[in-house]
Amino acid sequence: MTKPIEVRNPRTGKFDYVIIPPPSKLLVQQCKRTRRAQVRWQQLGLEGRIEALQQWKQAILSGRDRLTEALVNDTGRLSVSVLEIDSFFSSIDRWCRLAPELLQESAKNTAIPFIALQQTSVPYPLVGIISPWNFPLLLSTIDTIPALLAGCAVIVKPSEIAPRFVAPLITALNAVPKLHDVLTFVEGAGTTGSILIENVDLVCFTGSVATGRKVAEAAAKRFIPAFLELGGKDPAIVLESANLELATSAILWGSVVNTGQSCLSIERIYVAESIFEKFYHQLVAKAHRLGLAYPTIESGEIGPIIAERQAAIISDHLLDAVEKGAVIHCGGVVEDLGGGWWCRPTVLTQVNHSMKVMTEETFGPIMPVMPFSTVEQAVSLANDSIYGLSAAVFASEAEALEIAQQIDAGAISINDAGLTAMIHEGEKNAFKFSSLGGSRMGAAALKRFMRKKAILIKTNATNDPWWFENGE
């Protein structure tokens, strides 16, 4: 009998929800059943798969209030939860619209006149998805939807920290029999994820570098593909030519949205010396306007810290920075309010790369601001990281584009922040320890789940092999 896992409410600190991981034997059997069902799912054809996904969407819409309530209880925030649900529905529609063109098979001639090529592909039978707690719904489905449309069966293991959203999705799945057999959610912690990896044909993981490394090693032992989206320490560079009103607003949003609990958050800011003081004073003034979503969820913009262990990391980074000479201009404390952990938007100066807040992923509404004297220094500082997920540059367009080419990151927002979270057309591969495998954006996001096959067809009537005809 597996041990139940108690789940903490991030607003109250109370453990008010319980999940029971499936026994190892039961999970293995579930993987086998789901893989067998994939054959019928693939035979259903793309039109049938699109119809099933749209039926699931409608079933979820009919119980949207229940999903919203569950997601709010998972994360302690309201407006971002509403946005997350809307993005999920938009993702279904977008992939259903794009899939017919992306999955078209093609025939073409080859370099040998009488040999034709038919390019086809087949889906990986069973995909395992292990998702994190910061955007529970969105990051558990961002890979699930294209994988299903490609013809794969999918098993999702969401984070044990934020699993409540799963129940409304399963209820809606019960109304769509064709999808129910090929989409499964399993609840559990690391052990459940490890068993899942041992029984799937492809794995997608979103989370920390440390856990991602274990996932990659486990997948490599089985010779199955692993697509990893890992941590970030995203830099923003602000040049003298930047619009400071725009830059401060965008960087503030990019740093504190979802309480900074995003791998795409701006976590370090480099500003030209000539505008440094003006910039951080303006940033501090805007940060002061944002309040905590406490005592009610509508009281302010900044929600609680979802994972209790993350509160300890944020506190540690702030203490380390202050001990090494950093100056805090606003925020700066992790507060216990009503049993939940909270942190107001925090701006720091007098920071440097000896501090954890400039080098390790903080995952909170923390904005360390550091001056630079030359563009070369700014680029060097931005690239001084084990991460390379995304970045932002604020400057005249020509200057910003030139700098963007020099930054070691997969996506660069020009005169804005976090655009890759909203613009899904651009394919990207993060640098260094921030990812492994193909892009989860653009056309490649769907094609990752297909194995390509080249069928070579001899088109003339001769019985001789082609090399005989060429005199070999």
Protein backbone atom coordinates (compact mmCIF):
# COMPACT_ATOMS: atom_id res chain seq x y z
CA MET A 1 0.00 0.00 0.00
CA THR A 2 1.48 3.35 -1.02
CA LYS A 3 1.64 6.12 1.54
CA PRO A 4 -0.80 9.04 1.09
CA ILE A 5 0.71 12.49 0.45
CA GLU A 6 -0.78 15.48 2.25
CA VAL A 7 -1.02 18.66 0.18
CA ARG A 8 -0.55 22.12 1.67
CA ASN A 9 -2.81 25.08 0.88
CA PRO A 10 -0.46 27.99 0.01
CA ARG A 11 -2.83 30.64 1.40
CA THR A 12 -3.55 29.06 4.76
CA GLY A 13 -0.61 26.73 5.31
CA LYS A 14 -3.04 23.95 6.18
CA PHE A 15 -2.71 20.45 4.75
CA ASP A 16 -6.24 20.15 3.44
CA TYR A 17 -5.95 17.74 0.50
CA VAL A 18 -4.61 14.22 0.10
CA ILE A 19 -3.38 12.26 -2.90
CA ILE A 20 -2.61 8.55 -2.99
CA PRO A 21 0.13 7.51 -5.44
CA PRO A 22 -0.64 4.35 -7.40
CA PRO A 23 1.28 1.22 -6.39
CA SER A 24 4.13 0.44 -8.75
CA LYS A 25 2.43 -2.63 -10.20
CA LEU A 26 -0.80 -0.72 -10.83
CA LEU A 27 1.03 2.12 -12.61
CA VAL A 28 2.88 -0.33 -14.84
CA GLN A 29 -0.45 -1.95 -15.76
CA GLN A 30 -1.93 1.49 -16.47
CA CYS A 31 0.94 2.27 -18.84
CA LYS A 32 0.35 -1.00 -20.69
CA ARG A 33 -3.40 -0.34 -21.02
CA THR A 34 -2.83 3.20 -22.24
CA ARG A 35 -0.26 2.05 -24.79
CA ARG A 36 -2.69 -0.56 -26.14
CA ALA A 37 -5.41 2.07 -26.47
CA GLN A 38 -3.06 4.27 -28.51
CA VAL A 39 -3.49 2.02 -31.55
CA ARG A 40 -7.20 2.89 -31.78
CA TRP A 41 -6.45 6.55 -31.09
CA GLN A 42 -4.00 6.70 -34.00
CA GLN A 43 -6.44 4.88 -36.28
CA LEU A 44 -9.10 7.43 -35.38
CA GLY A 45 -7.31 9.89 -37.66
CA LEU A 46 -6.49 13.52 -37.10
CA GLU A 47 -10.07 14.74 -37.62
CA GLY A 48 -11.33 12.30 -35.01
CA ARG A 49 -8.62 13.33 -32.56
CA ILE A 50 -9.44 17.01 -33.06
CA GLU A 51 -13.12 16.29 -32.45
CA ALA A 52 -12.31 14.43 -29.21
CA LEU A 53 -10.11 17.24 -27.89
CA GLN A 54 -12.77 19.81 -28.66
CA GLN A 55 -15.34 17.69 -26.84
CA TRP A 56 -13.02 17.59 -23.82
CA LYS A 57 -12.65 21.35 -23.97
CA GLN A 58 -16.43 21.80 -23.97
CA ALA A 59 -16.82 19.39 -21.06
CA ILE A 60 -14.23 21.38 -19.07
CA LEU A 61 -15.92 24.65 -19.99
CA SER A 62 -19.19 23.38 -18.57
CA GLY A 63 -17.45 22.85 -15.24
CA ARG A 64 -15.07 25.79 -15.46
CA ASP A 65 -15.96 27.12 -12.00
CA ARG A 66 -14.81 23.88 -10.43
CA LEU A 67 -11.51 23.99 -12.32
CA THR A 68 -10.97 27.62 -11.30
CA GLU A 69 -11.63 26.81 -7.65
CA ALA A 70 -9.22 23.87 -7.74
CA LEU A 71 -6.49 25.92 -9.41
CA VAL A 72 -6.93 28.76 -6.93
CA ASN A 73 -6.57 26.29 -4.07
CA ASP A 74 -3.45 24.88 -5.71
CA THR A 75 -1.74 28.23 -6.18
CA GLY A 76 -3.43 30.80 -3.94
CA ARG A 77 -3.87 33.30 -6.77
CA LEU A 78 -6.92 34.23 -8.84
CA SER A 79 -6.16 36.44 -11.86
CA VAL A 80 -3.22 34.30 -13.01
CA SER A 81 -5.36 31.18 -12.57
CA VAL A 82 -8.05 32.66 -14.84
CA LEU A 83 -5.34 33.54 -17.38
CA GLU A 84 -3.92 30.03 -17.12
CA ILE A 85 -7.29 28.45 -17.89
CA ASP A 86 -7.89 30.80 -20.82
CA SER A 87 -4.42 29.97 -22.19
CA PHE A 88 -5.18 26.26 -21.88
CA PHE A 89 -8.36 26.61 -23.95
CA SER A 90 -6.52 28.76 -26.50
CA SER A 91 -3.81 26.13 -26.75
CA ILE A 92 -6.33 23.43 -27.65
CA ASP A 93 -7.84 25.62 -30.37
CA ARG A 94 -4.45 26.69 -31.73
CA TRP A 95 -3.07 23.18 -32.04
CA CYS A 96 -6.30 21.86 -33.53
CA ARG A 97 -6.02 24.61 -36.15
CA LEU A 98 -2.34 24.02 -36.93
CA ALA A 99 -2.13 20.24 -36.78
CA PRO A 100 -3.67 19.44 -40.20
CA GLU A 101 -0.97 21.37 -42.03
CA LEU A 102 1.90 20.29 -39.78
CA LEU A 103 1.06 16.59 -40.00
CA GLN A 104 0.70 16.46 -43.78
CA GLU A 105 2.73 13.75 -45.45
CA SER A 106 4.74 14.60 -48.54
CA ALA A 107 6.15 12.93 -51.63
CA LYS A 108 9.14 14.25 -53.54
CA ASN A 109 11.75 13.30 -56.08
CA THR A 110 15.28 12.38 -55.08
CA ALA A 111 18.70 12.90 -56.67
CA ILE A 112 18.17 9.62 -58.53
CA PRO A 113 15.48 10.18 -61.21
CA PHE A 114 13.69 6.85 -60.80
CA ILE A 115 13.69 6.80 -57.01
CA ALA A 116 10.85 8.71 -55.30
CA LEU A 117 10.68 9.60 -51.63
CA GLN A 118 7.54 9.40 -49.54
CA GLN A 119 8.13 11.17 -46.22
CA THR A 120 5.90 9.83 -43.46
CA SER A 121 5.96 9.73 -39.68
CA VAL A 122 4.48 7.67 -36.87
CA PRO A 123 3.76 8.78 -33.30
CA TYR A 124 5.59 7.53 -30.25
CA PRO A 125 3.01 5.21 -28.67
CA LEU A 126 3.15 6.40 -25.05
CA VAL A 127 4.37 9.80 -23.83
CA GLY A 128 5.04 10.52 -20.16
CA ILE A 129 4.77 14.11 -18.93
CA ILE A 130 6.09 15.26 -15.56
CA SER A 131 5.00 18.81 -14.77
CA PRO A 132 5.76 21.40 -12.02
CA TRP A 133 3.70 23.33 -9.48
CA ASN A 134 4.08 26.96 -10.58
CA PHE A 135 1.62 26.81 -13.53
CA PRO A 136 -0.01 23.44 -12.77
CA LEU A 137 -2.60 23.35 -15.55
CA LEU A 138 -0.65 25.07 -18.31
CA LEU A 139 2.59 23.16 -17.87
CA SER A 140 0.87 19.79 -17.57
CA THR A 141 -0.91 20.33 -20.89
CA ILE A 142 1.56 22.37 -22.97
CA ASP A 143 3.10 19.12 -24.25
CA THR A 144 0.03 16.94 -23.77
CA ILE A 145 -2.13 18.61 -26.42
CA PRO A 146 0.31 18.40 -29.36
CA ALA A 147 1.28 14.85 -28.35
CA LEU A 148 -2.36 13.74 -28.44
CA LEU A 149 -2.93 15.37 -31.82
CA ALA A 150 0.18 13.63 -33.15
CA GLY A 151 -1.51 10.34 -32.25
CA CYS A 152 0.31 9.50 -29.01
CA ALA A 153 -1.25 8.30 -25.79
CA VAL A 154 -0.25 10.40 -22.78
CA ILE A 155 0.18 9.88 -19.05
CA VAL A 156 0.68 13.05 -16.99
CA LYS A 157 2.20 13.19 -13.51
CA PRO A 158 1.58 16.66 -12.08
CA SER A 159 3.46 18.03 -9.09
CA GLU A 160 2.42 16.65 -5.73
CA ILE A 161 2.52 20.27 -4.48
CA ALA A 162 -0.36 21.42 -6.71
CA PRO A 163 -2.49 18.44 -7.82
CA ARG A 164 -6.06 19.62 -7.12
CA PHE A 165 -6.68 20.79 -10.70
CA VAL A 166 -6.54 17.21 -11.95
CA ALA A 167 -9.93 16.12 -10.57
CA PRO A 168 -12.02 18.49 -12.76
CA LEU A 169 -10.03 17.45 -15.83
CA ILE A 170 -10.67 13.77 -15.14
CA THR A 171 -14.37 14.43 -14.59
CA ALA A 172 -14.49 16.09 -18.02
CA LEU A 173 -12.51 13.20 -19.56
CA ASN A 174 -15.20 10.77 -18.45
CA ALA A 175 -17.56 12.52 -20.90
CA VAL A 176 -15.21 11.79 -23.85
CA PRO A 177 -14.75 7.98 -24.12
CA LYS A 178 -12.42 8.17 -27.13
CA LEU A 179 -9.99 10.37 -25.21
CA HIS A 180 -10.48 8.83 -21.78
CA ASP A 181 -8.49 5.68 -22.65
CA VAL A 182 -5.43 7.51 -24.00
CA LEU A 183 -5.07 10.40 -21.55
CA THR A 184 -4.38 9.57 -17.93
CA PHE A 185 -3.32 11.63 -14.91
CA VAL A 186 -1.44 9.89 -12.12
CA GLU A 187 -0.77 11.51 -8.76
CA GLY A 188 2.43 11.07 -6.81
CA ALA A 189 5.92 12.36 -6.09
CA GLY A 190 9.38 11.48 -7.38
CA THR A 191 9.00 7.72 -7.08
CA THR A 192 5.88 7.78 -9.25
CA GLY A 193 7.73 9.86 -11.85
CA SER A 194 10.62 7.39 -11.89
CA ILE A 195 8.30 4.44 -12.50
CA LEU A 196 6.58 6.40 -15.28
CA ILE A 197 9.87 7.03 -17.08
CA GLU A 198 10.61 3.29 -16.97
CA ASN A 199 7.38 2.53 -18.85
CA VAL A 200 6.94 5.20 -21.55
CA ASP A 201 8.44 5.73 -24.99
CA LEU A 202 9.20 9.45 -24.63
CA VAL A 203 9.33 11.78 -21.63
CA CYS A 204 8.72 15.52 -21.26
CA PHE A 205 9.84 17.13 -18.02
CA THR A 206 9.53 20.68 -16.68
CA GLY A 207 11.29 21.50 -13.43
CA SER A 208 14.64 21.95 -11.74
CA VAL A 209 18.04 21.24 -13.23
CA ALA A 210 18.82 18.72 -10.48
CA THR A 211 15.72 16.63 -11.15
CA GLY A 212 16.00 17.18 -14.90
CA ARG A 213 19.45 15.63 -14.88
CA LYS A 214 18.03 12.50 -13.22
CA VAL A 215 15.24 12.35 -15.79
CA ALA A 216 17.72 12.67 -18.67
CA GLU A 217 19.95 9.94 -17.26
CA ALA A 218 17.01 7.58 -16.74
CA ALA A 219 15.76 8.21 -20.28
CA ALA A 220 19.24 7.74 -21.75
CA LYS A 221 19.53 4.33 -20.10
CA ARG A 222 16.36 3.30 -21.93
CA PHE A 223 17.29 5.02 -25.21
CA ILE A 224 14.09 7.06 -25.22
CA PRO A 225 13.87 10.78 -26.09
CA ALA A 226 13.75 13.28 -23.22
CA PHE A 227 12.58 16.85 -23.69
CA LEU A 228 13.51 18.98 -20.70
CA GLU A 229 12.53 22.55 -19.85
CA LEU A 230 14.55 23.48 -16.79
CA GLY A 231 15.56 26.49 -14.73
CA GLY A 232 16.31 30.05 -15.70
CA LYS A 233 18.05 33.12 -14.34
CA ASP A 234 16.82 35.47 -17.00
CA PRO A 235 18.70 38.76 -17.41
CA ALA A 236 17.37 42.12 -18.59
CA ILE A 237 19.75 44.68 -20.12
CA VAL A 238 18.70 48.33 -20.16
CA LEU A 239 20.69 50.75 -22.34
CA GLU A 240 20.75 54.52 -22.21
CA SER A 241 18.57 54.64 -25.33
CA ALA A 242 15.76 52.73 -23.60
CA ASN A 243 12.35 54.17 -22.82
CA LEU A 244 12.56 54.06 -19.01
CA GLU A 245 8.82 54.24 -18.45
CA LEU A 246 8.37 51.20 -20.68
CA ALA A 247 11.42 49.38 -19.33
CA THR A 248 10.54 49.73 -15.65
CA SER A 249 6.93 48.65 -16.19
CA ALA A 250 7.86 45.66 -18.34
CA ILE A 251 10.66 44.49 -16.06
CA LEU A 252 8.45 44.85 -12.99
CA TRP A 253 5.77 42.72 -14.65
CA GLY A 254 8.35 40.22 -15.89
CA SER A 255 9.79 39.89 -12.39
CA VAL A 256 6.68 39.64 -10.21
CA VAL A 257 3.97 38.02 -12.35
CA ASN A 258 2.85 34.86 -10.55
CA THR A 259 4.93 36.15 -7.61
CA GLY A 260 8.05 35.56 -9.70
CA GLN A 261 7.36 31.83 -9.73
CA SER A 262 8.22 31.29 -13.37
CA CYS A 263 11.31 30.02 -15.15
CA LEU A 264 10.80 32.97 -17.53
CA SER A 265 10.91 35.59 -14.76
CA ILE A 266 13.40 38.43 -15.01
CA GLU A 267 15.76 37.60 -12.14
CA ARG A 268 18.67 40.02 -12.68
CA ILE A 269 18.76 43.49 -14.21
CA TYR A 270 21.75 45.27 -15.74
CA VAL A 271 21.37 49.01 -16.33
CA ALA A 272 23.68 51.55 -18.01
CA GLU A 273 25.51 53.64 -15.39
CA SER A 274 24.21 56.93 -16.79
CA ILE A 275 20.57 55.99 -16.08
CA PHE A 276 21.08 53.58 -13.20
CA GLU A 277 19.75 55.76 -10.34
CA LYS A 278 16.81 57.07 -12.32
CA PHE A 279 15.92 53.53 -13.37
CA TYR A 280 15.93 51.91 -9.95
CA HIS A 281 14.12 54.83 -8.27
CA GLN A 282 11.37 54.52 -10.87
CA LEU A 283 11.27 50.74 -10.45
CA VAL A 284 10.98 51.06 -6.66
CA ALA A 285 8.15 53.58 -6.96
CA LYS A 286 6.18 51.23 -9.20
CA ALA A 287 6.93 48.21 -7.01
CA HIS A 288 5.47 50.03 -3.99
CA ARG A 289 2.11 50.25 -5.78
CA LEU A 290 1.69 46.48 -5.86
CA GLY A 291 0.04 44.87 -2.86
CA LEU A 292 -0.36 41.37 -1.53
CA ALA A 293 -3.49 39.36 -2.37
CA TYR A 294 -4.15 39.23 1.36
CA PRO A 295 -6.25 39.10 3.46
CA THR A 296 -8.57 38.41 0.53
CA ILE A 297 -7.54 37.08 -2.83
CA GLU A 298 -8.73 40.35 -4.43
CA SER A 299 -6.72 42.57 -2.02
CA GLY A 300 -3.67 42.89 -4.26
CA GLU A 301 -1.67 41.58 -7.18
CA ILE A 302 0.99 39.43 -5.47
CA GLY A 303 -0.09 35.94 -4.50
CA PRO A 304 1.52 33.62 -1.94
CA ILE A 305 4.64 31.55 -2.42
CA ILE A 306 3.19 28.23 -3.53
CA ALA A 307 5.88 25.79 -2.41
CA GLU A 308 6.97 26.05 1.21
CA ARG A 309 10.55 25.06 0.38
CA GLN A 310 10.72 27.95 -2.09
CA ALA A 311 10.02 30.42 0.71
CA ALA A 312 13.18 29.17 2.43
CA ILE A 313 15.22 29.61 -0.76
CA ILE A 314 14.01 33.19 -1.25
CA SER A 315 14.85 34.04 2.37
CA ASP A 316 18.29 32.48 2.00
CA HIS A 317 19.04 34.47 -1.16
CA LEU A 318 17.98 37.74 0.45
CA LEU A 319 20.00 37.08 3.62
CA ASP A 320 23.07 36.14 1.57
CA ALA A 321 22.77 39.33 -0.49
CA VAL A 322 22.44 41.61 2.54
CA GLU A 323 25.36 39.92 4.30
CA LYS A 324 27.49 40.62 1.22
CA GLY A 325 26.54 44.31 1.02
CA ALA A 326 23.30 44.50 -0.96
CA VAL A 327 20.84 47.30 -0.19
CA ILE A 328 17.10 46.55 -0.10
CA HIS A 329 14.86 49.44 -1.23
CA CYS A 330 11.45 47.77 -0.84
CA GLY A 331 10.13 44.40 0.26
CA GLY A 332 12.98 42.15 1.30
CA VAL A 333 11.19 39.91 3.81
CA VAL A 334 9.32 36.63 3.51
CA GLU A 335 6.27 37.08 5.72
CA ASP A 336 4.03 34.54 7.44
CA LEU A 337 0.49 35.85 7.02
CA GLY A 338 -2.45 33.66 7.94
CA GLY A 339 -0.28 30.55 7.64
CA GLY A 340 0.86 31.33 4.09
CA TRP A 341 4.26 32.61 2.94
CA TRP A 342 4.33 35.97 1.18
CA CYS A 343 6.97 38.27 -0.30
CA ARG A 344 6.38 41.80 -1.52
CA PRO A 345 8.15 43.02 -4.69
CA THR A 346 11.78 43.52 -3.69
CA VAL A 347 14.34 45.79 -5.37
CA LEU A 348 18.02 45.46 -4.44
CA THR A 349 21.09 47.43 -5.46
CA GLN A 350 24.80 47.09 -4.58
CA VAL A 351 24.62 43.55 -5.90
CA ASN A 352 27.29 41.46 -7.63
CA HIS A 353 27.87 37.97 -8.93
CA SER A 354 29.22 36.67 -5.63
CA MET A 355 25.62 36.67 -4.40
CA LYS A 356 23.15 33.82 -4.82
CA VAL A 357 20.48 36.32 -5.87
CA MET A 358 22.53 37.01 -9.03
CA THR A 359 23.57 33.46 -9.87
CA GLU A 360 21.03 30.93 -8.53
CA GLU A 361 17.36 30.64 -9.47
CA THR A 362 15.41 32.58 -6.82
CA PHE A 363 11.87 32.01 -8.14
CA GLY A 364 10.37 34.96 -6.29
CA PRO A 365 9.44 38.64 -6.88
CA ILE A 366 13.06 39.74 -6.43
CA MET A 367 14.70 42.40 -8.64
CA PRO A 368 18.47 42.84 -8.15
CA VAL A 369 19.71 45.83 -10.20
CA MET A 370 23.38 46.22 -11.17
CA PRO A 371 25.05 48.98 -13.24
CA PHE A 372 27.34 48.40 -16.22
CA SER A 373 29.78 50.74 -17.94
CA THR A 374 29.98 49.22 -21.44
CA VAL A 375 27.76 47.11 -23.65
CA GLU A 376 30.47 44.44 -23.70
CA GLN A 377 30.34 44.28 -19.90
CA ALA A 378 26.53 44.02 -19.95
CA VAL A 379 26.63 41.09 -22.38
CA SER A 380 29.38 39.41 -20.36
CA LEU A 381 27.35 39.72 -17.16
CA ALA A 382 24.19 38.45 -18.86
CA ASN A 383 26.08 35.40 -20.14
CA ASP A 384 27.78 34.72 -16.80
CA SER A 385 25.30 32.01 -15.82
CA ILE A 386 24.76 28.27 -16.02
CA TYR A 387 21.32 29.10 -17.44
CA GLY A 388 20.25 30.31 -20.86
CA LEU A 389 16.48 30.14 -21.06
CA SER A 390 15.47 33.65 -22.12
CA ALA A 391 16.36 37.31 -21.69
CA ALA A 392 15.20 40.86 -22.40
CA VAL A 393 16.89 43.92 -23.93
CA PHE A 394 15.61 47.49 -23.68
CA ALA A 395 17.19 49.94 -26.12
CA SER A 396 16.71 51.40 -29.56
CA GLU A 397 15.67 48.57 -31.85
CA ALA A 398 18.95 48.48 -33.79
CA GLU A 399 21.03 48.38 -30.59
CA ALA A 400 18.77 45.81 -28.98
CA LEU A 401 18.90 43.48 -31.97
CA GLU A 402 22.68 43.62 -32.05
CA ILE A 403 22.89 42.76 -28.34
CA ALA A 404 20.28 40.00 -28.65
CA GLN A 405 22.55 38.16 -31.08
CA GLN A 406 25.26 38.03 -28.42
CA ILE A 407 23.18 36.72 -25.52
CA ASP A 408 23.33 33.01 -24.79
CA ALA A 409 19.62 32.36 -24.41
CA GLY A 410 16.89 30.68 -26.41
CA ALA A 411 14.45 33.59 -26.59
CA ILE A 412 15.13 37.32 -26.37
CA SER A 413 12.33 39.84 -25.81
CA ILE A 414 13.07 43.28 -27.28
CA ASN A 415 11.58 46.21 -25.36
CA ASP A 416 9.34 43.89 -23.38
CA ALA A 417 9.69 40.93 -21.03
CA GLY A 418 8.55 37.32 -21.07
CA LEU A 419 7.14 37.47 -24.59
CA THR A 420 7.92 33.83 -25.20
CA ALA A 421 5.23 32.94 -22.65
CA MET A 422 2.62 34.51 -24.93
CA ILE A 423 4.08 34.14 -28.44
CA HIS A 424 4.16 30.45 -29.31
CA GLU A 425 5.11 30.64 -32.98
CA GLY A 426 8.84 31.08 -32.45
CA GLU A 427 10.91 27.92 -32.10
CA LYS A 428 13.67 28.10 -29.52
CA ASN A 429 16.32 25.97 -27.90
CA ALA A 430 17.49 27.22 -24.53
CA PHE A 431 21.22 27.30 -23.85
CA LYS A 432 23.38 25.58 -21.22
CA PHE A 433 21.49 23.87 -18.37
CA SER A 434 18.10 25.40 -19.18
CA SER A 435 16.83 22.73 -21.54
CA LEU A 436 17.50 19.56 -23.49
CA GLY A 437 15.82 18.46 -26.70
CA GLY A 438 13.61 20.11 -29.29
CA SER A 439 11.57 23.28 -29.02
CA ARG A 440 8.20 23.18 -27.28
CA MET A 441 7.22 26.26 -29.31
CA GLY A 442 6.44 26.52 -33.01
CA ALA A 443 5.90 23.63 -35.41
CA ALA A 444 8.65 21.58 -33.78
CA ALA A 445 6.56 21.28 -30.62
CA LEU A 446 4.20 18.89 -32.38
CA LYS A 447 6.75 17.17 -34.61
CA ARG A 448 8.81 16.10 -31.56
CA PHE A 449 6.24 13.40 -30.96
CA MET A 450 6.63 11.81 -34.40
CA ARG A 451 9.28 9.40 -35.65
CA LYS A 452 10.12 10.14 -39.28
CA LYS A 453 10.09 7.40 -41.86
CA ALA A 454 11.52 7.65 -45.36
CA ILE A 455 9.86 5.30 -47.88
CA LEU A 456 11.98 5.04 -51.03
CA ILE A 457 10.11 3.92 -54.14
CA LYS A 458 11.66 2.71 -57.37
CA THR A 459 9.43 4.07 -60.14
CA ASN A 460 10.74 2.44 -63.37
CA ALA A 461 9.97 -1.03 -64.66
CA THR A 462 13.47 -2.53 -64.68
CA ASN A 463 14.25 -5.42 -62.38
CA ASP A 464 17.87 -4.39 -61.90
CA PRO A 465 18.92 -2.64 -58.71
CA TRP A 466 19.64 1.04 -59.21
CA TRP A 467 23.39 0.61 -58.84
CA PHE A 468 23.46 -1.88 -61.74
CA GLU A 469 21.89 0.76 -63.93
CA ASN A 470 24.68 3.18 -63.03
CA GLY A 471 27.39 0.72 -64.03
CA GLU A 472 28.56 -0.23 -60.53
